[in-house]
N, C-alpha and C. Protein backbone atom coordinates (compact mmCIF):
# COMPACT_ATOMS: atom_id res chain seq x y z
N MET A 1 85.19 59.53 -17.01
CA MET A 1 84.43 60.11 -16.15
C MET A 1 82.76 59.22 -16.42
N GLU A 2 82.59 59.12 -17.53
CA GLU A 2 81.13 58.86 -17.83
C GLU A 2 80.74 57.54 -17.33
N GLU A 3 81.95 56.38 -17.00
CA GLU A 3 81.62 55.16 -16.62
C GLU A 3 81.24 55.43 -15.11
N TYR A 4 81.45 56.50 -14.43
CA TYR A 4 81.40 56.75 -12.86
C TYR A 4 79.78 57.59 -12.84
N LYS A 5 79.21 57.84 -14.07
CA LYS A 5 78.21 58.71 -13.75
C LYS A 5 76.94 57.90 -12.86
N GLY A 6 76.81 56.73 -12.83
CA GLY A 6 76.02 55.96 -11.91
C GLY A 6 76.44 55.79 -10.20
N LEU A 7 77.55 55.75 -10.26
CA LEU A 7 77.98 55.85 -9.19
C LEU A 7 77.69 57.25 -8.31
N ILE A 8 78.35 57.98 -9.24
CA ILE A 8 78.21 59.59 -8.61
C ILE A 8 76.92 59.79 -8.21
N THR A 9 75.86 59.40 -9.06
CA THR A 9 74.35 59.99 -9.00
C THR A 9 74.28 59.21 -7.45
N LYS A 10 74.41 57.78 -6.97
CA LYS A 10 74.16 57.10 -5.96
C LYS A 10 74.73 57.73 -4.80
N VAL A 11 75.92 58.28 -5.05
CA VAL A 11 76.67 58.93 -3.76
C VAL A 11 75.79 59.93 -3.33
N GLU A 12 75.65 61.11 -4.47
CA GLU A 12 75.13 62.14 -4.19
C GLU A 12 73.74 61.79 -3.56
N ARG A 13 72.84 60.75 -3.75
CA ARG A 13 71.91 60.83 -3.27
C ARG A 13 71.91 60.11 -2.14
N TYR A 14 72.92 59.33 -1.80
CA TYR A 14 72.91 58.89 -0.28
C TYR A 14 73.53 60.12 0.67
N GLN A 15 74.22 60.93 0.14
CA GLN A 15 74.39 62.48 0.81
C GLN A 15 73.35 63.05 1.38
N ASN A 16 72.30 62.99 0.15
CA ASN A 16 71.31 63.89 0.57
C ASN A 16 70.33 63.30 1.75
N ILE A 17 70.45 62.06 1.54
CA ILE A 17 69.44 61.07 2.62
C ILE A 17 70.17 61.70 3.91
N LEU A 18 71.62 61.36 4.11
CA LEU A 18 72.14 61.74 5.27
C LEU A 18 71.92 63.30 5.66
N ALA A 19 71.99 64.03 4.88
CA ALA A 19 71.39 65.16 5.15
C ALA A 19 70.08 65.66 5.60
N ASN A 20 69.20 64.96 4.90
CA ASN A 20 67.54 64.95 5.57
C ASN A 20 67.77 64.33 6.59
N THR A 21 68.32 63.25 7.30
CA THR A 21 68.31 62.98 8.53
C THR A 21 68.71 63.68 9.35
N ILE A 22 69.40 64.77 9.25
CA ILE A 22 70.14 65.62 10.38
C ILE A 22 69.09 66.67 10.40
N ALA A 23 68.39 67.20 9.10
CA ALA A 23 67.30 68.11 9.12
C ALA A 23 66.11 67.40 9.92
N TYR A 24 65.91 66.47 9.68
CA TYR A 24 64.64 65.71 10.20
C TYR A 24 64.69 65.58 11.90
N ARG A 25 65.71 65.55 12.19
CA ARG A 25 66.08 65.19 13.70
C ARG A 25 66.19 66.64 14.26
N GLU A 26 66.63 67.62 13.74
CA GLU A 26 66.53 69.07 14.19
C GLU A 26 65.11 69.58 14.23
N ARG A 27 64.12 69.13 13.08
CA ARG A 27 62.76 69.85 13.04
C ARG A 27 62.08 68.96 14.20
N TRP A 28 62.41 67.73 14.64
CA TRP A 28 61.51 67.23 15.86
C TRP A 28 62.03 68.04 16.84
N ASP A 29 63.40 68.28 16.95
CA ASP A 29 63.59 68.84 18.37
C ASP A 29 63.22 70.55 18.34
N SER A 30 63.15 70.97 17.16
CA SER A 30 62.86 72.37 17.15
C SER A 30 61.36 72.75 17.28
N GLN A 31 60.59 71.84 16.82
CA GLN A 31 58.92 71.91 16.86
C GLN A 31 57.98 70.85 16.64
N LEU A 32 58.62 69.85 15.93
CA LEU A 32 57.39 68.81 15.67
C LEU A 32 57.02 68.15 16.85
N ARG A 33 58.00 67.72 17.94
CA ARG A 33 57.81 66.91 19.06
C ARG A 33 56.51 68.11 19.80
N ALA A 34 56.86 69.48 20.16
CA ALA A 34 56.02 69.84 20.69
C ALA A 34 54.52 70.05 19.62
N GLN A 35 54.65 70.34 18.46
CA GLN A 35 53.59 70.49 17.60
C GLN A 35 52.63 68.89 17.52
N ILE A 36 52.97 68.10 17.73
CA ILE A 36 52.37 66.90 17.71
C ILE A 36 51.55 66.77 19.47
N THR A 37 52.79 67.10 20.65
CA THR A 37 51.84 67.17 21.71
C THR A 37 50.75 67.76 21.83
N ALA A 38 50.73 69.13 21.22
CA ALA A 38 49.77 70.08 21.72
C ALA A 38 48.64 69.77 20.65
N GLU A 39 48.61 69.25 19.54
CA GLU A 39 47.80 68.80 18.71
C GLU A 39 46.81 67.53 19.36
N LEU A 40 47.55 66.69 19.93
CA LEU A 40 47.19 65.21 20.77
C LEU A 40 46.59 66.21 21.59
N GLU A 41 46.89 66.63 22.61
CA GLU A 41 46.34 67.15 24.05
C GLU A 41 44.96 68.02 23.56
N ASN A 42 45.02 68.67 22.42
CA ASN A 42 43.61 69.62 22.21
C ASN A 42 42.45 68.49 21.83
N MET A 43 43.18 67.40 20.99
CA MET A 43 42.02 66.47 20.28
C MET A 43 41.39 65.75 21.63
N LEU A 44 42.26 65.47 22.63
CA LEU A 44 41.55 64.98 23.81
C LEU A 44 40.85 65.84 24.46
N LYS A 45 41.02 67.11 24.42
CA LYS A 45 40.25 68.17 25.30
C LYS A 45 38.96 68.25 24.62
N VAL A 46 38.94 68.67 23.23
CA VAL A 46 37.93 68.84 22.26
C VAL A 46 36.89 67.91 22.50
N SER A 47 37.51 66.58 22.42
CA SER A 47 36.59 65.15 22.05
C SER A 47 36.18 64.57 23.42
N LYS A 48 36.97 64.99 24.82
CA LYS A 48 36.50 64.64 25.68
C LYS A 48 36.98 63.37 26.14
N LEU A 49 37.95 62.82 25.37
CA LEU A 49 38.38 61.28 25.36
C LEU A 49 39.42 61.51 26.65
N ASP A 50 39.15 60.68 27.65
CA ASP A 50 40.42 60.22 29.07
C ASP A 50 41.50 59.53 28.21
N GLY A 51 42.55 60.34 28.34
CA GLY A 51 43.73 59.67 27.85
C GLY A 51 45.16 60.82 28.31
N LYS A 52 46.20 60.25 28.27
CA LYS A 52 47.48 60.66 28.69
C LYS A 52 48.36 60.74 27.71
N ILE A 53 49.19 61.74 27.67
CA ILE A 53 50.29 61.95 26.72
C ILE A 53 51.70 62.03 27.26
N GLU A 54 52.68 61.15 26.95
CA GLU A 54 53.82 60.73 27.86
C GLU A 54 54.89 60.80 26.22
N LEU A 55 56.00 61.47 27.21
CA LEU A 55 56.87 61.68 26.09
C LEU A 55 58.22 60.36 26.41
N GLN A 56 58.61 59.50 25.69
CA GLN A 56 59.64 58.63 26.02
C GLN A 56 60.95 59.45 25.22
N ASP A 57 61.74 59.69 26.21
CA ASP A 57 62.96 60.28 25.43
C ASP A 57 64.15 60.03 25.96
N LYS A 58 64.32 58.77 26.34
CA LYS A 58 65.83 57.94 27.07
C LYS A 58 66.68 57.78 26.01
N VAL A 59 66.11 57.62 24.89
CA VAL A 59 67.38 57.69 23.72
C VAL A 59 67.04 59.01 22.72
N ARG A 60 68.10 59.18 22.54
CA ARG A 60 68.16 60.66 22.08
C ARG A 60 67.83 60.30 20.57
N HIS A 61 67.18 61.05 19.59
CA HIS A 61 66.46 60.89 18.17
C HIS A 61 66.03 59.32 18.28
N LEU A 62 65.60 58.87 19.56
CA LEU A 62 64.54 57.70 19.08
C LEU A 62 63.42 57.86 19.98
N GLU A 63 63.32 58.85 19.95
CA GLU A 63 61.99 59.33 20.97
C GLU A 63 60.75 59.06 20.48
N PHE A 64 59.77 58.93 21.27
CA PHE A 64 58.46 58.74 20.85
C PHE A 64 57.67 59.48 21.85
N ILE A 65 56.38 59.94 21.08
CA ILE A 65 55.06 60.34 22.05
C ILE A 65 53.94 59.07 21.96
N VAL A 66 53.23 59.05 23.26
CA VAL A 66 52.25 57.97 23.27
C VAL A 66 51.11 58.56 23.77
N LEU A 67 50.11 58.51 23.30
CA LEU A 67 48.81 59.26 23.52
C LEU A 67 48.41 57.61 24.28
N SER A 68 48.19 57.48 25.43
CA SER A 68 47.51 56.35 26.19
C SER A 68 46.19 56.62 26.93
N LEU A 69 45.58 55.41 26.53
CA LEU A 69 44.13 55.59 27.37
C LEU A 69 44.27 54.70 28.68
N GLY A 70 45.23 54.37 29.20
CA GLY A 70 45.62 53.76 30.41
C GLY A 70 45.02 52.43 30.25
N SER A 71 45.04 52.29 31.83
CA SER A 71 44.68 50.73 32.18
C SER A 71 43.43 50.68 33.04
N GLU A 72 42.92 49.67 33.17
CA GLU A 72 41.87 49.29 34.24
C GLU A 72 41.58 47.63 34.22
N GLU A 73 40.90 47.48 35.54
CA GLU A 73 40.52 46.41 35.64
C GLU A 73 39.34 45.79 34.08
N SER A 74 39.72 44.57 34.10
CA SER A 74 39.09 44.37 32.85
C SER A 74 37.52 43.74 32.97
N GLY A 75 37.07 43.48 34.04
CA GLY A 75 36.05 42.80 34.18
C GLY A 75 36.08 41.19 34.42
N ILE A 76 37.13 40.99 34.12
CA ILE A 76 37.52 39.69 33.91
C ILE A 76 38.41 39.10 35.08
N SER A 77 38.21 37.88 35.57
CA SER A 77 39.08 37.44 36.84
C SER A 77 39.44 36.25 36.81
N GLU A 78 40.55 35.74 37.48
CA GLU A 78 41.01 34.55 37.53
C GLU A 78 40.63 33.85 38.98
N ILE A 79 40.06 33.15 39.10
CA ILE A 79 39.15 32.72 40.17
C ILE A 79 40.45 31.71 41.04
N ILE A 80 40.82 32.29 42.10
CA ILE A 80 42.01 32.04 42.97
C ILE A 80 41.55 30.69 43.94
N ASN A 81 40.57 31.09 44.40
CA ASN A 81 39.74 29.88 45.31
C ASN A 81 38.28 30.51 45.48
N ASP A 82 37.72 29.90 46.55
CA ASP A 82 36.07 30.26 46.34
C ASP A 82 36.05 31.74 47.14
N LYS A 83 37.11 32.15 47.74
CA LYS A 83 36.93 33.59 48.24
C LYS A 83 37.58 34.79 47.47
N THR A 84 38.82 34.40 46.84
CA THR A 84 39.44 35.21 46.15
C THR A 84 39.61 34.99 44.50
N ASP A 85 39.35 36.30 44.09
CA ASP A 85 39.50 36.36 42.28
C ASP A 85 40.75 37.56 42.34
N LYS A 86 41.41 37.20 41.11
CA LYS A 86 42.43 38.09 41.05
C LYS A 86 41.91 38.77 39.38
N PRO A 87 41.80 40.04 39.66
CA PRO A 87 41.31 40.73 38.12
C PRO A 87 42.37 40.79 37.34
N LEU A 88 42.03 40.80 35.98
CA LEU A 88 42.78 40.51 35.15
C LEU A 88 42.84 42.09 34.44
N ILE A 89 44.04 42.89 34.23
CA ILE A 89 44.03 44.19 33.78
C ILE A 89 43.87 44.67 32.45
N LYS A 90 43.37 45.23 31.87
CA LYS A 90 43.16 45.78 30.46
C LYS A 90 43.84 47.02 29.87
N ASN A 91 44.73 47.07 29.34
CA ASN A 91 45.59 48.08 28.66
C ASN A 91 44.56 48.70 27.53
N ASN A 92 43.92 50.01 27.42
CA ASN A 92 42.89 50.60 26.57
C ASN A 92 43.63 50.97 25.20
N GLY A 93 44.76 50.58 24.92
CA GLY A 93 45.13 51.12 23.59
C GLY A 93 45.80 52.53 23.66
N SER A 94 46.65 52.79 22.62
CA SER A 94 47.84 53.77 22.55
C SER A 94 47.86 54.40 20.96
N LEU A 95 48.06 55.26 20.69
CA LEU A 95 48.52 56.27 19.50
C LEU A 95 49.96 56.60 19.70
N ILE A 96 50.82 56.03 18.90
CA ILE A 96 52.10 56.46 18.88
C ILE A 96 52.86 57.12 17.90
N TYR A 97 53.80 58.16 18.11
CA TYR A 97 54.53 58.88 17.16
C TYR A 97 55.86 58.74 17.62
N GLN A 98 56.64 57.81 16.72
CA GLN A 98 57.68 57.50 17.11
C GLN A 98 58.99 58.04 15.97
N GLN A 99 60.08 58.27 16.59
CA GLN A 99 60.63 59.14 15.51
C GLN A 99 62.00 57.95 15.44
N LEU A 100 61.82 57.71 13.94
CA LEU A 100 63.13 56.45 13.60
C LEU A 100 64.41 56.85 13.52
N PHE A 101 65.31 56.33 13.03
CA PHE A 101 66.65 56.26 13.28
C PHE A 101 66.97 57.37 12.12
N ASN A 102 66.32 57.25 11.06
CA ASN A 102 66.35 58.48 10.21
C ASN A 102 65.76 59.65 10.14
N GLY A 103 65.10 60.22 11.28
CA GLY A 103 64.37 61.32 11.52
C GLY A 103 62.99 61.19 11.45
N LYS A 104 62.67 60.54 10.33
CA LYS A 104 61.25 60.43 10.06
C LYS A 104 60.61 59.62 11.28
N VAL A 105 59.06 59.88 10.91
CA VAL A 105 58.23 59.66 11.90
C VAL A 105 57.15 58.39 11.71
N GLN A 106 57.18 57.25 12.57
CA GLN A 106 56.39 56.13 12.24
C GLN A 106 55.06 56.35 13.26
N VAL A 107 53.81 56.38 12.57
CA VAL A 107 52.74 56.35 13.23
C VAL A 107 52.44 55.29 13.54
N MET A 108 51.86 54.66 14.76
CA MET A 108 51.48 53.31 14.98
C MET A 108 50.31 53.22 16.08
N ILE A 109 49.16 52.30 16.11
CA ILE A 109 48.38 51.80 16.92
C ILE A 109 48.55 50.93 17.95
N GLY A 110 48.46 50.92 19.09
CA GLY A 110 48.91 49.80 20.06
C GLY A 110 47.13 49.52 20.28
N TYR A 111 47.10 48.17 20.09
CA TYR A 111 45.60 47.76 20.21
C TYR A 111 45.43 47.61 21.79
N PRO A 112 44.19 47.81 22.21
CA PRO A 112 43.90 47.13 23.60
C PRO A 112 44.07 45.87 23.62
N TYR A 113 44.47 45.34 24.84
CA TYR A 113 44.68 43.88 25.41
C TYR A 113 44.50 43.81 26.56
N ILE A 114 44.33 42.51 27.27
CA ILE A 114 43.92 41.84 28.57
C ILE A 114 45.17 41.25 29.09
N GLU A 115 45.96 41.80 29.86
CA GLU A 115 46.79 40.85 30.41
C GLU A 115 46.48 39.53 31.03
N GLY A 116 47.39 38.60 30.60
CA GLY A 116 47.65 37.21 31.26
C GLY A 116 46.09 36.62 30.21
N PHE A 117 45.63 37.33 29.13
CA PHE A 117 44.40 36.65 28.57
C PHE A 117 44.71 36.81 27.03
N GLY A 118 45.65 35.52 26.52
CA GLY A 118 46.24 35.61 24.79
C GLY A 118 47.17 36.60 24.71
N GLU A 119 47.61 36.66 23.59
CA GLU A 119 48.81 37.46 23.46
C GLU A 119 48.11 38.99 22.60
N PRO A 120 48.73 40.23 22.94
CA PRO A 120 48.36 41.33 22.29
C PRO A 120 48.44 41.11 20.89
N HIS A 121 47.58 41.78 20.29
CA HIS A 121 47.64 42.39 18.85
C HIS A 121 48.98 42.82 18.47
N PRO A 122 49.59 42.53 17.34
CA PRO A 122 50.74 43.49 16.82
C PRO A 122 50.14 44.97 16.81
N PRO A 123 51.20 45.77 17.00
CA PRO A 123 50.68 46.98 16.70
C PRO A 123 50.38 47.40 15.00
N LYS A 124 49.56 48.35 14.73
CA LYS A 124 49.37 48.67 13.32
C LYS A 124 49.98 49.90 12.74
N ILE A 125 50.74 49.42 11.60
CA ILE A 125 51.34 50.85 11.41
C ILE A 125 50.67 51.71 10.35
N ILE A 126 50.40 52.99 10.78
CA ILE A 126 49.45 53.80 10.08
C ILE A 126 50.52 54.19 8.91
N GLY A 127 51.45 54.59 8.96
CA GLY A 127 52.61 55.11 8.32
C GLY A 127 53.89 55.70 8.72
N ILE A 128 54.73 55.86 8.02
CA ILE A 128 55.95 56.82 7.90
C ILE A 128 56.06 57.80 7.21
N TYR A 129 56.15 59.04 7.73
CA TYR A 129 56.12 60.26 7.36
C TYR A 129 57.48 61.29 7.44
N ARG A 130 57.90 62.23 6.69
CA ARG A 130 58.73 63.08 6.70
C ARG A 130 58.15 63.98 7.66
N PRO A 131 58.93 64.89 8.35
CA PRO A 131 58.77 65.94 9.28
C PRO A 131 57.58 66.81 8.75
N GLU A 132 57.67 67.38 7.57
CA GLU A 132 56.96 68.24 6.98
C GLU A 132 55.92 67.50 6.47
N GLU A 133 55.39 66.56 6.27
CA GLU A 133 54.28 65.93 6.16
C GLU A 133 53.51 65.73 7.13
N ILE A 134 53.73 65.88 8.45
CA ILE A 134 52.76 65.88 9.53
C ILE A 134 52.26 67.34 9.85
N LYS A 135 50.83 67.50 9.29
CA LYS A 135 50.11 68.74 9.48
C LYS A 135 49.05 68.18 10.17
N SER A 136 48.27 69.15 10.93
CA SER A 136 47.10 69.17 11.50
C SER A 136 46.07 67.96 11.08
N PRO A 137 45.63 68.13 9.70
CA PRO A 137 44.79 67.25 9.29
C PRO A 137 45.41 65.47 9.20
N PHE A 138 46.49 65.49 9.21
CA PHE A 138 47.16 64.39 9.17
C PHE A 138 46.87 63.55 10.86
N LEU A 139 47.23 64.68 11.80
CA LEU A 139 47.04 64.28 12.98
C LEU A 139 45.75 63.89 13.67
N ILE A 140 44.63 64.49 13.14
CA ILE A 140 43.20 64.46 13.13
C ILE A 140 42.71 62.93 12.36
N ARG A 141 43.48 62.71 11.52
CA ARG A 141 43.09 61.44 10.57
C ARG A 141 43.66 60.16 11.50
N HIS A 142 44.80 60.68 11.81
CA HIS A 142 45.52 59.52 13.09
C HIS A 142 44.40 59.18 14.24
N MET A 143 44.26 59.84 14.52
CA MET A 143 43.41 59.96 16.05
C MET A 143 41.97 59.15 15.47
N GLU A 144 41.50 59.66 14.35
CA GLU A 144 40.02 58.99 13.80
C GLU A 144 40.45 57.71 13.84
N ASP A 145 41.34 57.32 12.81
CA ASP A 145 41.99 56.06 12.81
C ASP A 145 41.87 54.97 13.92
N PHE A 146 42.64 55.55 14.90
CA PHE A 146 43.11 55.41 16.23
C PHE A 146 41.92 54.67 16.91
N ILE A 147 40.81 55.43 16.92
CA ILE A 147 39.68 55.46 17.40
C ILE A 147 38.56 54.31 16.90
N LYS A 148 38.66 54.49 15.48
CA LYS A 148 37.76 53.40 14.71
C LYS A 148 38.68 51.80 15.17
N GLU A 149 39.66 51.62 15.43
CA GLU A 149 40.64 50.48 15.40
C GLU A 149 40.13 50.03 16.90
N ILE A 150 40.07 50.71 17.58
CA ILE A 150 39.93 50.37 19.26
C ILE A 150 38.55 49.82 19.40
N THR A 151 37.57 50.93 18.89
CA THR A 151 36.34 50.47 18.77
C THR A 151 36.01 49.50 18.43
N GLN A 152 36.36 48.92 17.14
CA GLN A 152 36.48 47.84 16.35
C GLN A 152 36.84 46.54 17.35
N TRP A 153 37.70 46.98 18.31
CA TRP A 153 38.41 45.73 19.04
C TRP A 153 37.43 45.71 20.25
N GLU A 154 36.98 46.39 20.69
CA GLU A 154 35.91 46.67 21.96
C GLU A 154 34.73 45.81 21.38
N ASP A 155 34.25 46.29 20.17
CA ASP A 155 32.99 45.71 19.58
C ASP A 155 33.25 44.17 18.95
N PHE A 156 34.14 43.54 19.17
CA PHE A 156 34.40 42.42 18.13
C PHE A 156 33.09 41.43 18.26
N ASP A 157 32.82 40.94 17.54
CA ASP A 157 31.60 39.57 17.24
C ASP A 157 31.71 39.04 15.96
N ASP A 158 30.69 38.34 15.73
CA ASP A 158 30.64 37.18 14.45
C ASP A 158 30.32 38.21 13.16
N ASP A 159 29.96 39.46 13.54
CA ASP A 159 29.28 40.52 12.22
C ASP A 159 30.68 40.74 11.65
N ASP A 160 31.92 40.66 11.90
CA ASP A 160 32.74 41.09 11.55
C ASP A 160 32.99 40.15 10.06
N THR A 161 33.76 40.64 9.16
CA THR A 161 34.02 40.03 7.78
C THR A 161 35.09 38.68 8.30
N PRO A 162 35.00 37.73 7.56
CA PRO A 162 35.95 36.79 8.02
C PRO A 162 37.42 36.85 7.81
N LEU A 163 37.92 37.52 7.22
CA LEU A 163 39.34 37.85 7.16
C LEU A 163 39.74 38.75 8.26
N ALA A 164 38.73 39.67 9.04
CA ALA A 164 39.09 40.35 10.11
C ALA A 164 38.91 39.58 11.40
N ARG A 165 38.52 38.48 11.32
CA ARG A 165 38.06 37.69 12.59
C ARG A 165 39.62 37.15 13.31
N ILE A 166 39.17 37.32 14.57
CA ILE A 166 40.42 36.65 15.11
C ILE A 166 40.30 35.39 15.27
N GLY A 167 41.61 34.56 15.17
CA GLY A 167 41.45 33.02 15.48
C GLY A 167 41.54 32.53 13.89
N TYR A 168 41.19 31.18 13.77
CA TYR A 168 41.72 30.56 12.47
C TYR A 168 40.63 30.89 11.77
N GLN A 169 41.02 30.91 10.49
CA GLN A 169 40.30 31.23 9.43
C GLN A 169 39.60 30.01 8.52
N THR A 170 38.75 29.56 9.54
CA THR A 170 38.23 28.04 8.71
C THR A 170 37.29 28.18 7.87
N SER A 171 36.47 29.33 7.41
CA SER A 171 35.65 29.50 6.20
C SER A 171 36.44 29.61 5.22
N ASN A 172 37.91 30.17 5.30
CA ASN A 172 38.78 30.39 4.09
C ASN A 172 39.15 28.75 3.56
N LEU A 173 38.94 27.92 4.15
CA LEU A 173 39.52 26.53 3.82
C LEU A 173 38.55 26.01 2.87
N PRO A 174 39.01 25.05 1.89
CA PRO A 174 38.55 24.27 1.05
C PRO A 174 37.61 23.39 1.66
N ASN A 175 36.09 23.08 1.06
CA ASN A 175 35.14 22.14 1.36
C ASN A 175 36.05 20.83 1.27
N VAL A 176 36.25 20.22 1.62
CA VAL A 176 36.72 18.78 1.38
C VAL A 176 35.69 17.74 1.88
N LYS A 177 35.23 16.81 1.01
CA LYS A 177 34.66 15.71 1.43
C LYS A 177 35.16 14.88 2.31
N PRO A 178 34.80 14.36 3.35
CA PRO A 178 35.76 13.41 3.84
C PRO A 178 35.44 11.95 3.30
N PRO A 179 36.74 11.26 3.40
CA PRO A 179 36.50 9.96 2.57
C PRO A 179 35.38 9.06 3.17
N GLU A 180 34.65 8.18 2.28
CA GLU A 180 33.59 7.37 2.55
C GLU A 180 34.48 6.03 3.23
N VAL A 181 33.94 5.56 4.08
CA VAL A 181 34.22 4.32 4.88
C VAL A 181 33.48 3.11 4.64
């Protein structure tokens, strides 16, 4: 029996994780989804931030809550001809709480982007949490992080550190002297 001790320990851990998944999913359904939604709605109200909260629930146990700042004309337009411009639409960013396959919750920031103007920046993963870890202070911090990130996106300029800049990081390349001719 001693030679099976490691195997038994691993099986017990596996079974514990499966039980946690069921418990996490039940908690999402019974309270967490409503808790996150209510807290986000309250933050929008208190901060006077114009946003909308949507529940995406087309797949059970892979649901997500999206706080979206909506979309609008970006102020940039494609010139079609002398009389016609086609406005490019800007999506203003989103804060996402996504239920993962194991019942944990992944929190992400969807950056603003302008449709038809480059590729959107990949979402930033803030973290993955067990349902019991998601408390009001965490939700507030997530919102603060979201506002900080989208503010930096909106205020992009050359004052950013070289590693934070968009584009080629030429300042990180070694200085190579061209060959003399």
